[in-house]
PDB file of N, CA and C in Angstrom:
ATOM      1  N   MET A   1      12.540  -3.909 -11.400  1.00  0.00           N
ATOM      2  CA  MET A   1      13.738  -4.295 -10.690  1.00  0.00           C
ATOM      3  C   MET A   1      13.760  -3.585  -9.339  1.00  0.00           C
ATOM      4  N   VAL A   2      14.166  -4.297  -8.310  1.00  0.00           N
ATOM      5  CA  VAL A   2      14.204  -3.757  -6.961  1.00  0.00           C
ATOM      6  C   VAL A   2      15.656  -3.609  -6.529  1.00  0.00           C
ATOM      7  N   SER A   3      15.969  -2.488  -5.913  1.00  0.00           N
ATOM      8  CA  SER A   3      17.326  -2.219  -5.458  1.00  0.00           C
ATOM      9  C   SER A   3      17.812  -3.290  -4.482  1.00  0.00           C
ATOM     10  N   GLU A   4      19.113  -3.521  -4.459  1.00  0.00           N
ATOM     11  CA  GLU A   4      19.702  -4.470  -3.509  1.00  0.00           C
ATOM     12  C   GLU A   4      19.583  -3.971  -2.076  1.00  0.00           C
ATOM     13  N   LYS A   5      19.283  -2.692  -1.891  1.00  0.00           N
ATOM     14  CA  LYS A   5      19.125  -2.121  -0.552  1.00  0.00           C
ATOM     15  C   LYS A   5      17.744  -2.395   0.031  1.00  0.00           C
ATOM     16  N   ILE A   6      16.872  -3.022  -0.741  1.00  0.00           N
ATOM     17  CA  ILE A   6      15.516  -3.340  -0.312  1.00  0.00           C
ATOM     18  C   ILE A   6      15.481  -4.791   0.160  1.00  0.00           C
ATOM     19  N   ALA A   7      14.980  -4.993   1.375  1.00  0.00           N
ATOM     20  CA  ALA A   7      14.866  -6.339   1.938  1.00  0.00           C
ATOM     21  C   ALA A   7      13.427  -6.822   1.841  1.00  0.00           C
ATOM     22  N   ASN A   8      13.225  -8.027   1.384  1.00  0.00           N
ATOM     23  CA  ASN A   8      11.929  -8.694   1.357  1.00  0.00           C
ATOM     24  C   ASN A   8      10.802  -7.869   0.729  1.00  0.00           C
ATOM     25  N   PRO A   9      10.931  -7.462  -0.531  1.00  0.00           N
ATOM     26  CA  PRO A   9       9.810  -6.746  -1.160  1.00  0.00           C
ATOM     27  C   PRO A   9       8.616  -7.695  -1.294  1.00  0.00           C
ATOM     28  N   LYS A  10       7.417  -7.179  -1.077  1.00  0.00           N
ATOM     29  CA  LYS A  10       6.208  -7.994  -1.184  1.00  0.00           C
ATOM     30  C   LYS A  10       5.204  -7.270  -2.056  1.00  0.00           C
ATOM     31  N   LEU A  11       4.523  -8.018  -2.898  1.00  0.00           N
ATOM     32  CA  LEU A  11       3.495  -7.470  -3.776  1.00  0.00           C
ATOM     33  C   LEU A  11       2.381  -8.498  -3.886  1.00  0.00           C
ATOM     34  N   GLN A  12       1.144  -8.053  -3.657  1.00  0.00           N
ATOM     35  CA  GLN A  12       0.009  -8.964  -3.758  1.00  0.00           C
ATOM     36  C   GLN A  12      -1.237  -8.213  -4.208  1.00  0.00           C
ATOM     37  N   ILE A  13      -2.152  -8.951  -4.815  1.00  0.00           N
ATOM     38  CA  ILE A  13      -3.463  -8.401  -5.139  1.00  0.00           C
ATOM     39  C   ILE A  13      -4.364  -8.747  -3.963  1.00  0.00           C
ATOM     40  N   THR A  14      -5.031  -7.721  -3.414  1.00  0.00           N
ATOM     41  CA  THR A  14      -5.859  -7.958  -2.235  1.00  0.00           C
ATOM     42  C   THR A  14      -7.028  -6.993  -2.177  1.00  0.00           C
ATOM     43  N   ASP A  15      -8.061  -7.418  -1.465  1.00  0.00           N
ATOM     44  CA  ASP A  15      -9.146  -6.522  -1.087  1.00  0.00           C
ATOM     45  C   ASP A  15      -9.389  -6.649   0.422  1.00  0.00           C
ATOM     46  N   ARG A  16      -8.463  -7.311   1.100  1.00  0.00           N
ATOM     47  CA  ARG A  16      -8.555  -7.501   2.554  1.00  0.00           C
ATOM     48  C   ARG A  16      -7.855  -6.357   3.274  1.00  0.00           C
ATOM     49  N   ASN A  17      -8.357  -6.031   4.441  1.00  0.00           N
ATOM     50  CA  ASN A  17      -7.728  -4.990   5.249  1.00  0.00           C
ATOM     51  C   ASN A  17      -6.301  -5.391   5.574  1.00  0.00           C
ATOM     52  N   GLN A  18      -5.424  -4.394   5.631  1.00  0.00           N
ATOM     53  CA  GLN A  18      -4.010  -4.627   5.917  1.00  0.00           C
ATOM     54  C   GLN A  18      -3.577  -3.746   7.083  1.00  0.00           C
ATOM     55  N   ASN A  19      -2.764  -4.305   7.945  1.00  0.00           N
ATOM     56  CA  ASN A  19      -2.091  -3.550   9.003  1.00  0.00           C
ATOM     57  C   ASN A  19      -0.604  -3.744   8.793  1.00  0.00           C
ATOM     58  N   CYS A  20       0.136  -2.651   8.691  1.00  0.00           N
ATOM     59  CA  CYS A  20       1.570  -2.801   8.489  1.00  0.00           C
ATOM     60  C   CYS A  20       2.301  -1.563   9.007  1.00  0.00           C
ATOM     61  N   ASN A  21       3.590  -1.738   9.180  1.00  0.00           N
ATOM     62  CA  ASN A  21       4.446  -0.628   9.600  1.00  0.00           C
ATOM     63  C   ASN A  21       5.666  -0.529   8.681  1.00  0.00           C
ATOM     64  N   ALA A  22       5.474  -0.868   7.427  1.00  0.00           N
ATOM     65  CA  ALA A  22       6.557  -0.827   6.442  1.00  0.00           C
ATOM     66  C   ALA A  22       6.999   0.615   6.196  1.00  0.00           C
ATOM     67  N   GLN A  23       8.239   0.784   5.763  1.00  0.00           N
ATOM     68  CA  GLN A  23       8.771   2.112   5.481  1.00  0.00           C
ATOM     69  C   GLN A  23       8.129   2.723   4.245  1.00  0.00           C
ATOM     70  N   ILE A  24       7.845   1.908   3.236  1.00  0.00           N
ATOM     71  CA  ILE A  24       7.210   2.383   2.010  1.00  0.00           C
ATOM     72  C   ILE A  24       6.088   1.420   1.651  1.00  0.00           C
ATOM     73  N   ILE A  25       4.903   1.987   1.411  1.00  0.00           N
ATOM     74  CA  ILE A  25       3.737   1.204   1.025  1.00  0.00           C
ATOM     75  C   ILE A  25       3.273   1.729  -0.330  1.00  0.00           C
ATOM     76  N   LEU A  26       3.089   0.833  -1.284  1.00  0.00           N
ATOM     77  CA  LEU A  26       2.651   1.202  -2.629  1.00  0.00           C
ATOM     78  C   LEU A  26       1.284   0.580  -2.901  1.00  0.00           C
ATOM     79  N   LEU A  27       0.355   1.389  -3.386  1.00  0.00           N
ATOM     80  CA  LEU A  27      -0.990   0.921  -3.700  1.00  0.00           C
ATOM     81  C   LEU A  27      -1.327   1.300  -5.135  1.00  0.00           C
ATOM     82  N   PHE A  28      -1.847   0.345  -5.905  1.00  0.00           N
ATOM     83  CA  PHE A  28      -2.249   0.571  -7.285  1.00  0.00           C
ATOM     84  C   PHE A  28      -3.677   0.078  -7.442  1.00  0.00           C
ATOM     85  N   SER A  29      -4.578   0.958  -7.858  1.00  0.00           N
ATOM     86  CA  SER A  29      -5.973   0.546  -8.019  1.00  0.00           C
ATOM     87  C   SER A  29      -6.153  -0.173  -9.358  1.00  0.00           C
ATOM     88  N   LEU A  30      -6.921  -1.242  -9.337  1.00  0.00           N
ATOM     89  CA  LEU A  30      -7.241  -1.984 -10.544  1.00  0.00           C
ATOM     90  C   LEU A  30      -8.596  -1.552 -11.089  1.00  0.00           C
ATOM     91  N   HIS A  31      -9.438  -1.035 -10.209  1.00  0.00           N
ATOM     92  CA  HIS A  31     -10.786  -0.573 -10.544  1.00  0.00           C
ATOM     93  C   HIS A  31     -11.023   0.723  -9.773  1.00  0.00           C
ATOM     94  N   LYS A  32     -12.167   1.336  -9.974  1.00  0.00           N
ATOM     95  CA  LYS A  32     -12.526   2.490  -9.160  1.00  0.00           C
ATOM     96  C   LYS A  32     -12.594   2.004  -7.708  1.00  0.00           C
ATOM     97  N   THR A  33     -11.867   2.656  -6.821  1.00  0.00           N
ATOM     98  CA  THR A  33     -11.649   2.133  -5.479  1.00  0.00           C
ATOM     99  C   THR A  33     -11.633   3.251  -4.450  1.00  0.00           C
ATOM    100  N   VAL A  34     -12.128   2.927  -3.261  1.00  0.00           N
ATOM    101  CA  VAL A  34     -11.942   3.808  -2.111  1.00  0.00           C
ATOM    102  C   VAL A  34     -10.983   3.084  -1.171  1.00  0.00           C
ATOM    103  N   ILE A  35      -9.893   3.745  -0.842  1.00  0.00           N
ATOM    104  CA  ILE A  35      -8.917   3.193   0.093  1.00  0.00           C
ATOM    105  C   ILE A  35      -8.938   4.073   1.337  1.00  0.00           C
ATOM    106  N   LYS A  36      -9.157   3.446   2.488  1.00  0.00           N
ATOM    107  CA  LYS A  36      -9.124   4.189   3.746  1.00  0.00           C
ATOM    108  C   LYS A  36      -7.803   3.888   4.436  1.00  0.00           C
ATOM    109  N   ILE A  37      -7.071   4.950   4.731  1.00  0.00           N
ATOM    110  CA  ILE A  37      -5.801   4.817   5.446  1.00  0.00           C
ATOM    111  C   ILE A  37      -5.991   5.487   6.793  1.00  0.00           C
ATOM    112  N   ASN A  38      -5.962   4.670   7.848  1.00  0.00           N
ATOM    113  CA  ASN A  38      -6.259   5.155   9.202  1.00  0.00           C
ATOM    114  C   ASN A  38      -7.550   5.969   9.208  1.00  0.00           C
ATOM    115  N   GLU A  39      -8.583   5.421   8.556  1.00  0.00           N
ATOM    116  CA  GLU A  39      -9.939   5.987   8.487  1.00  0.00           C
ATOM    117  C   GLU A  39     -10.094   7.192   7.563  1.00  0.00           C
ATOM    118  N   LYS A  40      -9.031   7.675   6.911  1.00  0.00           N
ATOM    119  CA  LYS A  40      -9.136   8.787   5.970  1.00  0.00           C
ATOM    120  C   LYS A  40      -9.301   8.204   4.565  1.00  0.00           C
ATOM    121  N   PRO A  41     -10.417   8.539   3.864  1.00  0.00           N
ATOM    122  CA  PRO A  41     -10.653   7.947   2.538  1.00  0.00           C
ATOM    123  C   PRO A  41      -9.876   8.644   1.419  1.00  0.00           C
ATOM    124  N   TYR A  42      -9.440   7.838   0.465  1.00  0.00           N
ATOM    125  CA  TYR A  42      -8.802   8.308  -0.766  1.00  0.00           C
ATOM    126  C   TYR A  42      -9.539   7.641  -1.915  1.00  0.00           C
ATOM    127  N   TYR A  43      -9.963   8.424  -2.890  1.00  0.00           N
ATOM    128  CA  TYR A  43     -10.749   7.933  -4.014  1.00  0.00           C
ATOM    129  C   TYR A  43      -9.828   7.768  -5.218  1.00  0.00           C
ATOM    130  N   LEU A  44      -9.691   6.538  -5.686  1.00  0.00           N
ATOM    131  CA  LEU A  44      -8.789   6.250  -6.800  1.00  0.00           C
ATOM    132  C   LEU A  44      -9.571   5.726  -7.996  1.00  0.00           C
ATOM    133  N   ASP A  45      -9.185   6.180  -9.164  1.00  0.00           N
ATOM    134  CA  ASP A  45      -9.716   5.664 -10.417  1.00  0.00           C
ATOM    135  C   ASP A  45      -8.855   4.485 -10.858  1.00  0.00           C
ATOM    136  N   PRO A  46      -9.315   3.710 -11.839  1.00  0.00           N
ATOM    137  CA  PRO A  46      -8.493   2.603 -12.322  1.00  0.00           C
ATOM    138  C   PRO A  46      -7.088   3.071 -12.722  1.00  0.00           C
ATOM    139  N   TYR A  47      -6.098   2.319 -12.311  1.00  0.00           N
ATOM    140  CA  TYR A  47      -4.678   2.533 -12.616  1.00  0.00           C
ATOM    141  C   TYR A  47      -4.043   3.707 -11.871  1.00  0.00           C
ATOM    142  N   ASP A  48      -4.762   4.297 -10.920  1.00  0.00           N
ATOM    143  CA  ASP A  48      -4.143   5.313 -10.053  1.00  0.00           C
ATOM    144  C   ASP A  48      -3.201   4.619  -9.082  1.00  0.00           C
ATOM    145  N   SER A  49      -2.245   5.366  -8.571  1.00  0.00           N
ATOM    146  CA  SER A  49      -1.328   4.808  -7.577  1.00  0.00           C
ATOM    147  C   SER A  49      -1.229   5.754  -6.387  1.00  0.00           C
ATOM    148  N   LEU A  50      -0.837   5.197  -5.276  1.00  0.00           N
ATOM    149  CA  LEU A  50      -0.671   5.957  -4.043  1.00  0.00           C
ATOM    150  C   LEU A  50       0.562   5.396  -3.341  1.00  0.00           C
ATOM    151  N   ALA A  51       1.487   6.268  -2.987  1.00  0.00           N
ATOM    152  CA  ALA A  51       2.701   5.846  -2.271  1.00  0.00           C
ATOM    153  C   ALA A  51       2.676   6.472  -0.882  1.00  0.00           C
ATOM    154  N   ILE A  52       2.980   5.669   0.126  1.00  0.00           N
ATOM    155  CA  ILE A  52       3.001   6.127   1.512  1.00  0.00           C
ATOM    156  C   ILE A  52       4.413   5.952   2.039  1.00  0.00           C
ATOM    157  N   GLU A  53       5.008   7.045   2.491  1.00  0.00           N
ATOM    158  CA  GLU A  53       6.324   6.995   3.130  1.00  0.00           C
ATOM    159  C   GLU A  53       6.096   7.029   4.631  1.00  0.00           C
ATOM    160  N   ASN A  54       6.590   6.032   5.307  1.00  0.00           N
ATOM    161  CA  ASN A  54       6.355   5.845   6.735  1.00  0.00           C
ATOM    162  C   ASN A  54       7.701   5.755   7.460  1.00  0.00           C
ATOM    163  N   GLN A  55       8.415   6.863   7.518  1.00  0.00           N
ATOM    164  CA  GLN A  55       9.774   6.858   8.090  1.00  0.00           C
ATOM    165  C   GLN A  55       9.789   6.477   9.558  1.00  0.00           C
ATOM    166  N   LYS A  56       8.742   6.828  10.301  1.00  0.00           N
ATOM    167  CA  LYS A  56       8.694   6.510  11.738  1.00  0.00           C
ATOM    168  C   LYS A  56       8.203   5.086  11.996  1.00  0.00           C
ATOM    169  N   ARG A  57       7.842   4.394  10.917  1.00  0.00           N
ATOM    170  CA  ARG A  57       7.386   3.002  10.997  1.00  0.00           C
ATOM    171  C   ARG A  57       6.191   2.843  11.943  1.00  0.00           C
ATOM    172  N   GLU A  58       5.262   3.790  11.840  1.00  0.00           N
ATOM    173  CA  GLU A  58       4.039   3.712  12.632  1.00  0.00           C
ATOM    174  C   GLU A  58       3.113   2.655  12.046  1.00  0.00           C
ATOM    175  N   ASN A  59       2.238   2.105  12.871  1.00  0.00           N
ATOM    176  CA  ASN A  59       1.280   1.116  12.388  1.00  0.00           C
ATOM    177  C   ASN A  59       0.216   1.826  11.556  1.00  0.00           C
ATOM    178  N   ILE A  60      -0.032   1.332  10.355  1.00  0.00           N
ATOM    179  CA  ILE A  60      -0.994   1.912   9.427  1.00  0.00           C
ATOM    180  C   ILE A  60      -2.043   0.862   9.091  1.00  0.00           C
ATOM    181  N   THR A  61      -3.314   1.255   9.169  1.00  0.00           N
ATOM    182  CA  THR A  61      -4.420   0.382   8.802  1.00  0.00           C
ATOM    183  C   THR A  61      -4.947   0.824   7.441  1.00  0.00           C
ATOM    184  N   ILE A  62      -5.081  -0.131   6.522  1.00  0.00           N
ATOM    185  CA  ILE A  62      -5.531   0.160   5.165  1.00  0.00           C
ATOM    186  C   ILE A  62      -6.746  -0.718   4.864  1.00  0.00           C
ATOM    187  N   GLN A  63      -7.840  -0.083   4.409  1.00  0.00           N
ATOM    188  CA  GLN A  63      -9.058  -0.794   4.030  1.00  0.00           C
ATOM    189  C   GLN A  63      -9.320  -0.547   2.545  1.00  0.00           C
ATOM    190  N   PHE A  64      -9.711  -1.587   1.823  1.00  0.00           N
ATOM    191  CA  PHE A  64      -9.940  -1.519   0.379  1.00  0.00           C
ATOM    192  C   PHE A  64     -11.414  -1.781   0.068  1.00  0.00           C
ATOM    193  N   SER A  65     -11.986  -1.020  -0.873  1.00  0.00           N
ATOM    194  CA  SER A  65     -13.347  -1.308  -1.327  1.00  0.00           C
ATOM    195  C   SER A  65     -13.338  -2.289  -2.506  1.00  0.00           C
ATOM    196  N   ASN A  66     -12.220  -2.414  -3.201  1.00  0.00           N
ATOM    197  CA  ASN A  66     -12.041  -3.329  -4.338  1.00  0.00           C
ATOM    198  C   ASN A  66     -10.620  -3.877  -4.317  1.00  0.00           C
ATOM    199  N   GLN A  67     -10.368  -4.814  -5.202  1.00  0.00           N
ATOM    200  CA  GLN A  67      -9.016  -5.374  -5.280  1.00  0.00           C
ATOM    201  C   GLN A  67      -8.018  -4.325  -5.747  1.00  0.00           C
ATOM    202  N   CYS A  68      -6.846  -4.338  -5.130  1.00  0.00           N
ATOM    203  CA  CYS A  68      -5.746  -3.446  -5.472  1.00  0.00           C
ATOM    204  C   CYS A  68      -4.441  -4.223  -5.401  1.00  0.00           C
ATOM    205  N   LEU A  69      -3.422  -3.701  -6.067  1.00  0.00           N
ATOM    206  CA  LEU A  69      -2.065  -4.210  -5.855  1.00  0.00           C
ATOM    207  C   LEU A  69      -1.528  -3.516  -4.619  1.00  0.00           C
ATOM    208  N   PHE A  70      -1.017  -4.289  -3.680  1.00  0.00           N
ATOM    209  CA  PHE A  70      -0.514  -3.795  -2.407  1.00  0.00           C
ATOM    210  C   PHE A  70       0.940  -4.231  -2.292  1.00  0.00           C
ATOM    211  N   GLY A  71       1.839  -3.287  -2.169  1.00  0.00           N
ATOM    212  CA  GLY A  71       3.253  -3.625  -2.070  1.00  0.00           C
ATOM    213  C   GLY A  71       3.909  -2.924  -0.900  1.00  0.00           C
ATOM    214  N   ILE A  72       4.872  -3.612  -0.288  1.00  0.00           N
ATOM    215  CA  ILE A  72       5.652  -2.995   0.781  1.00  0.00           C
ATOM    216  C   ILE A  72       7.143  -3.160   0.484  1.00  0.00           C
ATOM    217  N   LEU A  73       7.894  -2.131   0.861  1.00  0.00           N
ATOM    218  CA  LEU A  73       9.345  -2.137   0.694  1.00  0.00           C
ATOM    219  C   LEU A  73       9.986  -1.779   2.022  1.00  0.00           C
ATOM    220  N   GLU A  74      11.028  -2.496   2.376  1.00  0.00           N
ATOM    221  CA  GLU A  74      11.806  -2.247   3.588  1.00  0.00           C
ATOM    222  C   GLU A  74      13.258  -2.078   3.194  1.00  0.00           C
ATOM    223  N   SER A  75      13.919  -1.062   3.710  1.00  0.00           N
ATOM    224  CA  SER A  75      15.339  -0.906   3.406  1.00  0.00           C
ATOM    225  C   SER A  75      16.173  -1.674   4.415  1.00  0.00           C
ATOM    226  N   LEU A  76      17.367  -2.057   3.987  1.00  0.00           N
ATOM    227  CA  LEU A  76      18.259  -2.820   4.883  1.00  0.00           C
ATOM    228  C   LEU A  76      18.813  -1.955   5.985  1.00  0.00           C
TER     229      LEU A  76
END
């Protein structure tokens, strides 16, 4: 369930690079995965999660080595 204070929540399975400036970015690995966030690698095992809080709404580039669940949340 998503709070009523969240506008346009999005969730997708992807292995494509993403550029976004969302306030909250949620990543869930489905397989052993390397996720690069602004060129910094993070090594995730299956079912690991990573949450990014982006209060300044800076542009973030995310690269995936395998399919992951990618979600963004924006507050009203």
